[in-house]
Amino acid sequence: VDAENPNAQGQVRMANEQGQQYSIKYTPGSVFSY
């Protein structure tokens, strides 16, 4: 979410700057070994 432009739409970012798609496994709210 853009913190400087209140008119910008929030986005789900799914790739890095090189265009490689994310596959995120390790987050604080995940389950099991992840």
All heavy atoms as atom14 arrays in JSON, in Angstrom:
{
  "sequence": "VDAENPNAQGQVRMANEQGQQYSIKYTPGSVFSY",
  "atom14_mask": [
    [1, 1, 1, 1, 1, 1, 1, 0, 0, 0, 0, 0, 0, 0],
    [1, 1, 1, 1, 1, 1, 1, 1, 0, 0, 0, 0, 0, 0],
    [1, 1, 1, 1, 1, 0, 0, 0, 0, 0, 0, 0, 0, 0],
    [1, 1, 1, 1, 1, 1, 1, 1, 1, 0, 0, 0, 0, 0],
    [1, 1, 1, 1, 1, 1, 1, 1, 0, 0, 0, 0, 0, 0],
    [1, 1, 1, 1, 1, 1, 1, 0, 0, 0, 0, 0, 0, 0],
    [1, 1, 1, 1, 1, 1, 1, 1, 0, 0, 0, 0, 0, 0],
    [1, 1, 1, 1, 1, 0, 0, 0, 0, 0, 0, 0, 0, 0],
    [1, 1, 1, 1, 1, 1, 1, 1, 1, 0, 0, 0, 0, 0],
    [1, 1, 1, 1, 0, 0, 0, 0, 0, 0, 0, 0, 0, 0],
    [1, 1, 1, 1, 1, 1, 1, 1, 1, 0, 0, 0, 0, 0],
    [1, 1, 1, 1, 1, 1, 1, 0, 0, 0, 0, 0, 0, 0],
    [1, 1, 1, 1, 1, 1, 1, 1, 1, 1, 1, 0, 0, 0],
    [1, 1, 1, 1, 1, 1, 1, 1, 0, 0, 0, 0, 0, 0],
    [1, 1, 1, 1, 1, 0, 0, 0, 0, 0, 0, 0, 0, 0],
    [1, 1, 1, 1, 1, 1, 1, 1, 0, 0, 0, 0, 0, 0],
    [1, 1, 1, 1, 1, 1, 1, 1, 1, 0, 0, 0, 0, 0],
    [1, 1, 1, 1, 1, 1, 1, 1, 1, 0, 0, 0, 0, 0],
    [1, 1, 1, 1, 0, 0, 0, 0, 0, 0, 0, 0, 0, 0],
    [1, 1, 1, 1, 1, 1, 1, 1, 1, 0, 0, 0, 0, 0],
    [1, 1, 1, 1, 1, 1, 1, 1, 1, 0, 0, 0, 0, 0],
    [1, 1, 1, 1, 1, 1, 1, 1, 1, 1, 1, 1, 0, 0],
    [1, 1, 1, 1, 1, 1, 0, 0, 0, 0, 0, 0, 0, 0],
    [1, 1, 1, 1, 1, 1, 1, 1, 0, 0, 0, 0, 0, 0],
    [1, 1, 1, 1, 1, 1, 1, 1, 1, 0, 0, 0, 0, 0],
    [1, 1, 1, 1, 1, 1, 1, 1, 1, 1, 1, 1, 0, 0],
    [1, 1, 1, 1, 1, 1, 1, 0, 0, 0, 0, 0, 0, 0],
    [1, 1, 1, 1, 1, 1, 1, 0, 0, 0, 0, 0, 0, 0],
    [1, 1, 1, 1, 0, 0, 0, 0, 0, 0, 0, 0, 0, 0],
    [1, 1, 1, 1, 1, 1, 0, 0, 0, 0, 0, 0, 0, 0],
    [1, 1, 1, 1, 1, 1, 1, 0, 0, 0, 0, 0, 0, 0],
    [1, 1, 1, 1, 1, 1, 1, 1, 1, 1, 1, 0, 0, 0],
    [1, 1, 1, 1, 1, 1, 0, 0, 0, 0, 0, 0, 0, 0],
    [1, 1, 1, 1, 1, 1, 1, 1, 1, 1, 1, 1, 0, 0]
  ],
  "atom14_positions": [
    [[0.86, -1.18, 0.0], [0.0, 0.0, 0.0], [0.9, 1.23, 0.0], [1.78, 1.36, 0.85], [-0.93, 0.02, 1.23], [-1.74, 1.31, 1.25], [-1.85, -1.19, 1.22], [0.0, 0.0, 0.0], [0.0, 0.0, 0.0], [0.0, 0.0, 0.0], [0.0, 0.0, 0.0], [0.0, 0.0, 0.0], [0.0, 0.0, 0.0], [0.0, 0.0, 0.0]],
    [[0.68, 2.11, -0.95], [1.47, 3.35, -1.05], [1.16, 4.22, 0.17], [0.0, 4.58, 0.41], [1.12, 4.09, -2.34], [2.13, 5.17, -2.69], [2.46, 5.96, -1.79], [2.58, 5.22, -3.85], [0.0, 0.0, 0.0], [0.0, 0.0, 0.0], [0.0, 0.0, 0.0], [0.0, 0.0, 0.0], [0.0, 0.0, 0.0], [0.0, 0.0, 0.0]],
    [[2.19, 4.58, 0.93], [1.99, 5.38, 2.14], [2.01, 6.88, 1.86], [1.74, 7.67, 2.77], [3.07, 5.04, 3.18], [0.0, 0.0, 0.0], [0.0, 0.0, 0.0], [0.0, 0.0, 0.0], [0.0, 0.0, 0.0], [0.0, 0.0, 0.0], [0.0, 0.0, 0.0], [0.0, 0.0, 0.0], [0.0, 0.0, 0.0], [0.0, 0.0, 0.0]],
    [[2.33, 7.28, 0.62], [2.43, 8.69, 0.3], [1.32, 9.16, -0.63], [1.03, 10.36, -0.68], [3.79, 8.98, -0.35], [4.97, 8.69, 0.57], [6.29, 9.1, -0.06], [6.29, 9.94, -0.98], [7.33, 8.56, 0.37], [0.0, 0.0, 0.0], [0.0, 0.0, 0.0], [0.0, 0.0, 0.0], [0.0, 0.0, 0.0], [0.0, 0.0, 0.0]],
    [[0.71, 8.26, -1.37], [-0.32, 8.63, -2.33], [-1.64, 8.0, -1.91], [-1.87, 6.81, -2.12], [0.07, 8.17, -3.73], [-0.97, 8.56, -4.78], [-1.95, 9.24, -4.48], [-0.75, 8.14, -6.01], [0.0, 0.0, 0.0], [0.0, 0.0, 0.0], [0.0, 0.0, 0.0], [0.0, 0.0, 0.0], [0.0, 0.0, 0.0], [0.0, 0.0, 0.0]],
    [[-2.55, 8.79, -1.33], [-3.82, 8.22, -0.87], [-4.73, 7.74, -1.98], [-5.69, 7.02, -1.74], [-4.46, 9.37, -0.09], [-3.87, 10.6, -0.69], [-2.47, 10.24, -1.08], [0.0, 0.0, 0.0], [0.0, 0.0, 0.0], [0.0, 0.0, 0.0], [0.0, 0.0, 0.0], [0.0, 0.0, 0.0], [0.0, 0.0, 0.0], [0.0, 0.0, 0.0]],
    [[-4.44, 8.14, -3.22], [-5.28, 7.73, -4.35], [-4.78, 6.47, -5.04], [-5.43, 5.95, -5.93], [-5.35, 8.88, -5.37], [-5.99, 10.12, -4.8], [-7.0, 10.05, -4.1], [-5.41, 11.28, -5.08], [0.0, 0.0, 0.0], [0.0, 0.0, 0.0], [0.0, 0.0, 0.0], [0.0, 0.0, 0.0], [0.0, 0.0, 0.0], [0.0, 0.0, 0.0]],
    [[-3.6, 6.0, -4.65], [-3.05, 4.79, -5.27], [-3.79, 3.56, -4.74], [-4.15, 3.48, -3.58], [-1.56, 4.67, -4.96], [0.0, 0.0, 0.0], [0.0, 0.0, 0.0], [0.0, 0.0, 0.0], [0.0, 0.0, 0.0], [0.0, 0.0, 0.0], [0.0, 0.0, 0.0], [0.0, 0.0, 0.0], [0.0, 0.0, 0.0], [0.0, 0.0, 0.0]],
    [[-4.0, 2.6, -5.62], [-4.69, 1.37, -5.24], [-3.71, 0.4, -4.56], [-2.56, 0.29, -4.98], [-5.29, 0.69, -6.47], [-6.36, 1.51, -7.18], [-7.57, 1.73, -6.29], [-8.07, 0.82, -5.65], [-8.04, 2.97, -6.25], [0.0, 0.0, 0.0], [0.0, 0.0, 0.0], [0.0, 0.0, 0.0], [0.0, 0.0, 0.0], [0.0, 0.0, 0.0]],
    [[-4.16, -0.26, -3.51], [-3.35, -1.3, -2.91], [-3.16, -2.46, -3.89], [-4.04, -2.73, -4.72], [0.0, 0.0, 0.0], [0.0, 0.0, 0.0], [0.0, 0.0, 0.0], [0.0, 0.0, 0.0], [0.0, 0.0, 0.0], [0.0, 0.0, 0.0], [0.0, 0.0, 0.0], [0.0, 0.0, 0.0], [0.0, 0.0, 0.0], [0.0, 0.0, 0.0]],
    [[-2.03, -3.13, -3.81], [-1.74, -4.22, -4.74], [-1.19, -5.43, -3.99], [-0.58, -5.29, -2.93], [-0.69, -3.76, -5.78], [-1.15, -2.63, -6.66], [-0.07, -2.22, -7.66], [1.08, -2.63, -7.55], [-0.47, -1.43, -8.65], [0.0, 0.0, 0.0], [0.0, 0.0, 0.0], [0.0, 0.0, 0.0], [0.0, 0.0, 0.0], [0.0, 0.0, 0.0]],
    [[-1.43, -6.6, -4.56], [-0.75, -7.8, -4.1], [0.43, -8.01, -5.03], [0.26, -8.32, -6.21], [-1.68, -9.03, -4.13], [-0.91, -10.27, -3.69], [-2.88, -8.81, -3.21], [0.0, 0.0, 0.0], [0.0, 0.0, 0.0], [0.0, 0.0, 0.0], [0.0, 0.0, 0.0], [0.0, 0.0, 0.0], [0.0, 0.0, 0.0], [0.0, 0.0, 0.0]],
    [[1.6, -7.8, -4.51], [2.81, -7.95, -5.35], [3.17, -9.42, -5.4], [3.28, -10.09, -4.37], [3.96, -7.13, -4.78], [5.16, -7.14, -5.73], [6.27, -6.23, -5.28], [7.36, -6.28, -6.23], [7.76, -5.29, -7.01], [7.11, -4.13, -6.99], [8.78, -5.44, -7.84], [0.0, 0.0, 0.0], [0.0, 0.0, 0.0], [0.0, 0.0, 0.0]],
    [[3.39, -9.94, -6.62], [3.6, -11.37, -6.81], [4.94, -11.7, -7.48], [5.19, -12.87, -7.77], [2.46, -11.96, -7.65], [1.1, -11.87, -6.97], [-0.19, -12.7, -7.93], [-1.58, -12.61, -6.78], [0.0, 0.0, 0.0], [0.0, 0.0, 0.0], [0.0, 0.0, 0.0], [0.0, 0.0, 0.0], [0.0, 0.0, 0.0], [0.0, 0.0, 0.0]],
    [[5.8, -10.69, -7.7], [7.09, -10.95, -8.35], [8.07, -9.88, -7.93], [7.69, -8.75, -7.57], [6.94, -10.98, -9.86], [0.0, 0.0, 0.0], [0.0, 0.0, 0.0], [0.0, 0.0, 0.0], [0.0, 0.0, 0.0], [0.0, 0.0, 0.0], [0.0, 0.0, 0.0], [0.0, 0.0, 0.0], [0.0, 0.0, 0.0], [0.0, 0.0, 0.0]],
    [[9.38, -10.23, -8.0], [10.4, -9.25, -7.68], [10.71, -8.37, -8.9], [10.02, -8.47, -9.93], [11.67, -9.95, -7.16], [12.34, -10.84, -8.21], [11.99, -10.83, -9.39], [13.31, -11.62, -7.77], [0.0, 0.0, 0.0], [0.0, 0.0, 0.0], [0.0, 0.0, 0.0], [0.0, 0.0, 0.0], [0.0, 0.0, 0.0], [0.0, 0.0, 0.0]],
    [[11.73, -7.55, -8.79], [12.03, -6.61, -9.86], [12.45, -7.31, -11.15], [12.32, -6.74, -12.23], [13.13, -5.65, -9.42], [12.66, -4.6, -8.42], [11.69, -3.61, -9.03], [12.13, -2.6, -9.59], [10.47, -3.87, -8.96], [0.0, 0.0, 0.0], [0.0, 0.0, 0.0], [0.0, 0.0, 0.0], [0.0, 0.0, 0.0], [0.0, 0.0, 0.0]],
    [[12.97, -8.52, -11.04], [13.38, -9.27, -12.22], [12.25, -10.09, -12.83], [12.45, -10.81, -13.81], [14.55, -10.2, -11.88], [15.9, -9.5, -11.68], [15.95, -8.7, -10.4], [15.48, -9.18, -9.36], [16.51, -7.52, -10.44], [0.0, 0.0, 0.0], [0.0, 0.0, 0.0], [0.0, 0.0, 0.0], [0.0, 0.0, 0.0], [0.0, 0.0, 0.0]],
    [[11.05, -9.99, -12.24], [9.91, -10.7, -12.77], [9.78, -12.13, -12.27], [8.92, -12.88, -12.75], [0.0, 0.0, 0.0], [0.0, 0.0, 0.0], [0.0, 0.0, 0.0], [0.0, 0.0, 0.0], [0.0, 0.0, 0.0], [0.0, 0.0, 0.0], [0.0, 0.0, 0.0], [0.0, 0.0, 0.0], [0.0, 0.0, 0.0], [0.0, 0.0, 0.0]],
    [[10.61, -12.54, -11.31], [10.54, -13.9, -10.77], [9.37, -13.99, -9.79], [9.26, -13.21, -8.85], [11.85, -14.26, -10.06], [13.05, -14.25, -10.99], [14.37, -14.37, -10.24], [14.48, -13.99, -9.08], [15.38, -14.89, -10.91], [0.0, 0.0, 0.0], [0.0, 0.0, 0.0], [0.0, 0.0, 0.0], [0.0, 0.0, 0.0], [0.0, 0.0, 0.0]],
    [[8.48, -14.95, -10.02], [7.29, -15.1, -9.2], [7.66, -15.54, -7.78], [8.55, -16.36, -7.58], [6.35, -16.13, -9.83], [5.79, -15.71, -11.19], [4.84, -14.53, -11.08], [3.93, -14.54, -10.25], [5.05, -13.53, -11.92], [0.0, 0.0, 0.0], [0.0, 0.0, 0.0], [0.0, 0.0, 0.0], [0.0, 0.0, 0.0], [0.0, 0.0, 0.0]],
    [[6.93, -14.99, -6.81], [7.17, -15.36, -5.42], [6.57, -16.72, -5.1], [5.54, -17.11, -5.66], [6.53, -14.34, -4.46], [7.08, -12.94, -4.52], [6.22, -11.85, -4.51], [8.45, -12.7, -4.58], [6.71, -10.55, -4.54], [8.95, -11.4, -4.61], [8.07, -10.33, -4.59], [8.55, -9.06, -4.63], [0.0, 0.0, 0.0], [0.0, 0.0, 0.0]],
    [[7.21, -17.41, -4.17], [6.63, -18.6, -3.53], [7.04, -18.53, -2.06], [8.02, -19.12, -1.63], [7.15, -19.89, -4.17], [6.6, -21.02, -3.5], [0.0, 0.0, 0.0], [0.0, 0.0, 0.0], [0.0, 0.0, 0.0], [0.0, 0.0, 0.0], [0.0, 0.0, 0.0], [0.0, 0.0, 0.0], [0.0, 0.0, 0.0], [0.0, 0.0, 0.0]],
    [[6.26, -17.74, -1.31], [6.59, -17.46, 0.09], [6.04, -18.56, 0.98], [4.84, -18.87, 0.93], [6.01, -16.08, 0.49], [6.63, -14.98, -0.38], [6.24, -15.81, 1.96], [5.99, -13.62, -0.2], [0.0, 0.0, 0.0], [0.0, 0.0, 0.0], [0.0, 0.0, 0.0], [0.0, 0.0, 0.0], [0.0, 0.0, 0.0], [0.0, 0.0, 0.0]],
    [[6.9, -19.14, 1.78], [6.48, -20.25, 2.64], [6.55, -19.9, 4.12], [5.77, -20.42, 4.91], [7.35, -21.48, 2.36], [7.31, -21.98, 0.93], [8.19, -23.2, 0.76], [8.15, -23.74, -0.68], [8.79, -22.81, -1.62], [0.0, 0.0, 0.0], [0.0, 0.0, 0.0], [0.0, 0.0, 0.0], [0.0, 0.0, 0.0], [0.0, 0.0, 0.0]],
    [[7.49, -19.06, 4.51], [7.76, -18.84, 5.93], [7.23, -17.48, 6.37], [7.74, -16.43, 5.98], [9.27, -18.93, 6.19], [9.83, -20.28, 5.8], [10.36, -20.48, 4.52], [9.81, -21.35, 6.68], [10.86, -21.72, 4.14], [10.31, -22.59, 6.32], [10.83, -22.77, 5.05], [11.32, -24.0, 4.67], [0.0, 0.0, 0.0], [0.0, 0.0, 0.0]],
    [[6.16, -17.5, 7.16], [5.55, -16.28, 7.69], [5.15, -16.53, 9.14], [4.96, -17.69, 9.56], [4.3, -15.88, 6.89], [3.29, -16.88, 7.07], [4.61, -15.71, 5.42], [0.0, 0.0, 0.0], [0.0, 0.0, 0.0], [0.0, 0.0, 0.0], [0.0, 0.0, 0.0], [0.0, 0.0, 0.0], [0.0, 0.0, 0.0], [0.0, 0.0, 0.0]],
    [[5.0, -15.46, 9.94], [4.63, -15.64, 11.35], [3.3, -16.34, 11.56], [3.11, -17.03, 12.56], [4.59, -14.21, 11.89], [5.5, -13.45, 10.99], [5.32, -14.06, 9.64], [0.0, 0.0, 0.0], [0.0, 0.0, 0.0], [0.0, 0.0, 0.0], [0.0, 0.0, 0.0], [0.0, 0.0, 0.0], [0.0, 0.0, 0.0], [0.0, 0.0, 0.0]],
    [[2.35, -16.19, 10.64], [1.03, -16.77, 10.84], [0.81, -18.09, 10.15], [-0.31, -18.62, 10.17], [0.0, 0.0, 0.0], [0.0, 0.0, 0.0], [0.0, 0.0, 0.0], [0.0, 0.0, 0.0], [0.0, 0.0, 0.0], [0.0, 0.0, 0.0], [0.0, 0.0, 0.0], [0.0, 0.0, 0.0], [0.0, 0.0, 0.0], [0.0, 0.0, 0.0]],
    [[1.86, -18.66, 9.55], [1.68, -19.91, 8.81], [1.6, -21.09, 9.79], [1.66, -20.93, 11.0], [2.82, -20.11, 7.82], [2.49, -21.11, 6.88], [0.0, 0.0, 0.0], [0.0, 0.0, 0.0], [0.0, 0.0, 0.0], [0.0, 0.0, 0.0], [0.0, 0.0, 0.0], [0.0, 0.0, 0.0], [0.0, 0.0, 0.0], [0.0, 0.0, 0.0]],
    [[1.48, -22.3, 9.24], [1.27, -23.49, 10.08], [2.37, -24.51, 9.8], [3.14, -24.4, 8.86], [-0.11, -24.11, 9.8], [-1.22, -23.15, 10.19], [-0.24, -24.5, 8.33], [0.0, 0.0, 0.0], [0.0, 0.0, 0.0], [0.0, 0.0, 0.0], [0.0, 0.0, 0.0], [0.0, 0.0, 0.0], [0.0, 0.0, 0.0], [0.0, 0.0, 0.0]],
    [[2.4, -25.51, 10.69], [3.36, -26.62, 10.59], [4.79, -26.07, 10.56], [5.11, -25.08, 11.21], [3.06, -27.49, 9.37], [1.63, -27.94, 9.28], [0.86, -27.64, 8.16], [1.03, -28.65, 10.33], [-0.47, -28.04, 8.08], [-0.29, -29.05, 10.25], [-1.04, -28.75, 9.13], [0.0, 0.0, 0.0], [0.0, 0.0, 0.0], [0.0, 0.0, 0.0]],
    [[5.66, -26.68, 9.78], [7.06, -26.29, 9.76], [7.29, -24.96, 9.06], [8.41, -24.42, 9.09], [7.9, -27.37, 9.06], [7.46, -27.56, 7.73], [0.0, 0.0, 0.0], [0.0, 0.0, 0.0], [0.0, 0.0, 0.0], [0.0, 0.0, 0.0], [0.0, 0.0, 0.0], [0.0, 0.0, 0.0], [0.0, 0.0, 0.0], [0.0, 0.0, 0.0]],
    [[6.23, -24.41, 8.42], [6.38, -23.13, 7.74], [6.06, -21.95, 8.65], [6.22, -20.8, 8.23], [5.49, -23.1, 6.5], [5.86, -24.14, 5.48], [4.97, -25.13, 5.1], [7.14, -24.13, 4.9], [5.33, -26.1, 4.17], [7.5, -25.09, 3.97], [6.6, -26.08, 3.61], [6.96, -27.02, 2.68], [0.0, 0.0, 0.0], [0.0, 0.0, 0.0]]
  ]
}
